[in-house]
Amino acid sequence: MGQQGSSAKDNNTTNTNTDTNTNPDANILEQGDIYFFYRPKKDAQEVKGVEDVRRFFMVIAPEGTESM
């Protein structure tokens, strides 16, 4: 019984797949670019962490769409 438990554990670790490109169940819904912008706080000479950021923006630009 101890051997079955160890072989099941080995199978679980070897069957783990984190790459979505080889996963047949994964579907790509959209492709494109993601841009990140931030505005530092007024007194911040250098941004060293989240506390130095005043505003944070994320822009999503999907591929295949035409702009007006």
C-alpha atoms as a PDB file:
ATOM      1  CA  MET A   1       0.000   0.000   0.000  1.00  0.00           C
ATOM      2  CA  GLY A   2       2.901   2.365   0.675  1.00  0.00           C
ATOM      3  CA  GLN A   3       4.230   1.782  -2.835  1.00  0.00           C
ATOM      4  CA  GLN A   4       0.907   2.707  -4.457  1.00  0.00           C
ATOM      5  CA  GLY A   5       0.817   5.997  -2.575  1.00  0.00           C
ATOM      6  CA  SER A   6       4.347   6.900  -3.685  1.00  0.00           C
ATOM      7  CA  SER A   7       3.686   5.976  -7.323  1.00  0.00           C
ATOM      8  CA  ALA A   8       0.517   8.098  -7.335  1.00  0.00           C
ATOM      9  CA  LYS A   9       2.512  10.988  -5.928  1.00  0.00           C
ATOM     10  CA  ASP A  10       5.146  10.551  -8.643  1.00  0.00           C
ATOM     11  CA  ASN A  11       2.463  10.477 -11.357  1.00  0.00           C
ATOM     12  CA  ASN A  12       0.940  13.713 -10.064  1.00  0.00           C
ATOM     13  CA  THR A  13       4.251  15.519 -10.109  1.00  0.00           C
ATOM     14  CA  THR A  14       5.243  14.299 -13.560  1.00  0.00           C
ATOM     15  CA  ASN A  15       1.832  15.041 -15.126  1.00  0.00           C
ATOM     16  CA  THR A  16       1.725  18.649 -13.908  1.00  0.00           C
ATOM     17  CA  ASN A  17       1.770  20.937 -16.953  1.00  0.00           C
ATOM     18  CA  THR A  18       2.113  24.696 -16.525  1.00  0.00           C
ATOM     19  CA  ASP A  19       2.711  25.530 -20.213  1.00  0.00           C
ATOM     20  CA  THR A  20      -0.624  26.585 -21.759  1.00  0.00           C
ATOM     21  CA  ASN A  21       0.740  26.217 -25.305  1.00  0.00           C
ATOM     22  CA  THR A  22       0.754  22.430 -24.992  1.00  0.00           C
ATOM     23  CA  ASN A  23      -2.487  22.181 -23.007  1.00  0.00           C
ATOM     24  CA  PRO A  24      -5.272  21.050 -25.391  1.00  0.00           C
ATOM     25  CA  ASP A  25      -7.956  22.454 -23.043  1.00  0.00           C
ATOM     26  CA  ALA A  26      -6.573  26.033 -23.140  1.00  0.00           C
ATOM     27  CA  ASN A  27      -8.077  28.466 -25.650  1.00  0.00           C
ATOM     28  CA  ILE A  28      -6.672  31.894 -26.513  1.00  0.00           C
ATOM     29  CA  LEU A  29      -9.531  34.376 -26.473  1.00  0.00           C
ATOM     30  CA  GLU A  30      -7.596  37.493 -27.491  1.00  0.00           C
ATOM     31  CA  GLN A  31      -4.065  38.521 -28.336  1.00  0.00           C
ATOM     32  CA  GLY A  32      -2.503  41.928 -28.201  1.00  0.00           C
ATOM     33  CA  ASP A  33      -0.368  44.287 -26.175  1.00  0.00           C
ATOM     34  CA  ILE A  34      -0.607  45.461 -22.580  1.00  0.00           C
ATOM     35  CA  TYR A  35       1.022  48.745 -21.566  1.00  0.00           C
ATOM     36  CA  PHE A  36       1.630  49.938 -18.009  1.00  0.00           C
ATOM     37  CA  PHE A  37       2.065  53.611 -17.095  1.00  0.00           C
ATOM     38  CA  TYR A  38       2.546  55.228 -13.732  1.00  0.00           C
ATOM     39  CA  ARG A  39       2.738  58.742 -12.369  1.00  0.00           C
ATOM     40  CA  PRO A  40       5.054  59.216  -9.402  1.00  0.00           C
ATOM     41  CA  LYS A  41       4.098  61.268  -6.366  1.00  0.00           C
ATOM     42  CA  LYS A  42       5.051  64.929  -6.520  1.00  0.00           C
ATOM     43  CA  ASP A  43       7.857  64.718  -3.948  1.00  0.00           C
ATOM     44  CA  ALA A  44       9.252  61.357  -5.100  1.00  0.00           C
ATOM     45  CA  GLN A  45      12.686  61.783  -6.677  1.00  0.00           C
ATOM     46  CA  GLU A  46      12.846  58.083  -7.511  1.00  0.00           C
ATOM     47  CA  VAL A  47      10.127  55.417  -7.451  1.00  0.00           C
ATOM     48  CA  LYS A  48      11.235  52.644  -5.117  1.00  0.00           C
ATOM     49  CA  GLY A  49       7.883  51.072  -4.326  1.00  0.00           C
ATOM     50  CA  VAL A  50       4.110  51.318  -4.441  1.00  0.00           C
ATOM     51  CA  GLU A  51       4.088  54.102  -1.852  1.00  0.00           C
ATOM     52  CA  ASP A  52       5.913  56.373  -4.362  1.00  0.00           C
ATOM     53  CA  VAL A  53       3.250  55.943  -7.091  1.00  0.00           C
ATOM     54  CA  ARG A  54       0.419  58.458  -7.363  1.00  0.00           C
ATOM     55  CA  ARG A  55      -1.490  56.933 -10.307  1.00  0.00           C
ATOM     56  CA  PHE A  56      -1.201  53.645 -12.191  1.00  0.00           C
ATOM     57  CA  PHE A  57      -2.722  52.946 -15.605  1.00  0.00           C
ATOM     58  CA  MET A  58      -3.049  49.832 -17.718  1.00  0.00           C
ATOM     59  CA  VAL A  59      -3.868  50.076 -21.434  1.00  0.00           C
ATOM     60  CA  ILE A  60      -5.002  47.004 -23.367  1.00  0.00           C
ATOM     61  CA  ALA A  61      -4.606  47.036 -27.168  1.00  0.00           C
ATOM     62  CA  PRO A  62      -6.026  43.874 -28.780  1.00  0.00           C
ATOM     63  CA  GLU A  63      -4.684  42.701 -32.145  1.00  0.00           C
ATOM     64  CA  GLY A  64      -6.883  42.716 -35.213  1.00  0.00           C
ATOM     65  CA  THR A  65      -9.015  45.723 -34.356  1.00  0.00           C
ATOM     66  CA  GLU A  66      -9.046  48.865 -36.394  1.00  0.00           C
ATOM     67  CA  SER A  67      -8.830  52.222 -34.662  1.00  0.00           C
ATOM     68  CA  MET A  68     -11.096  55.066 -35.696  1.00  0.00           C
END
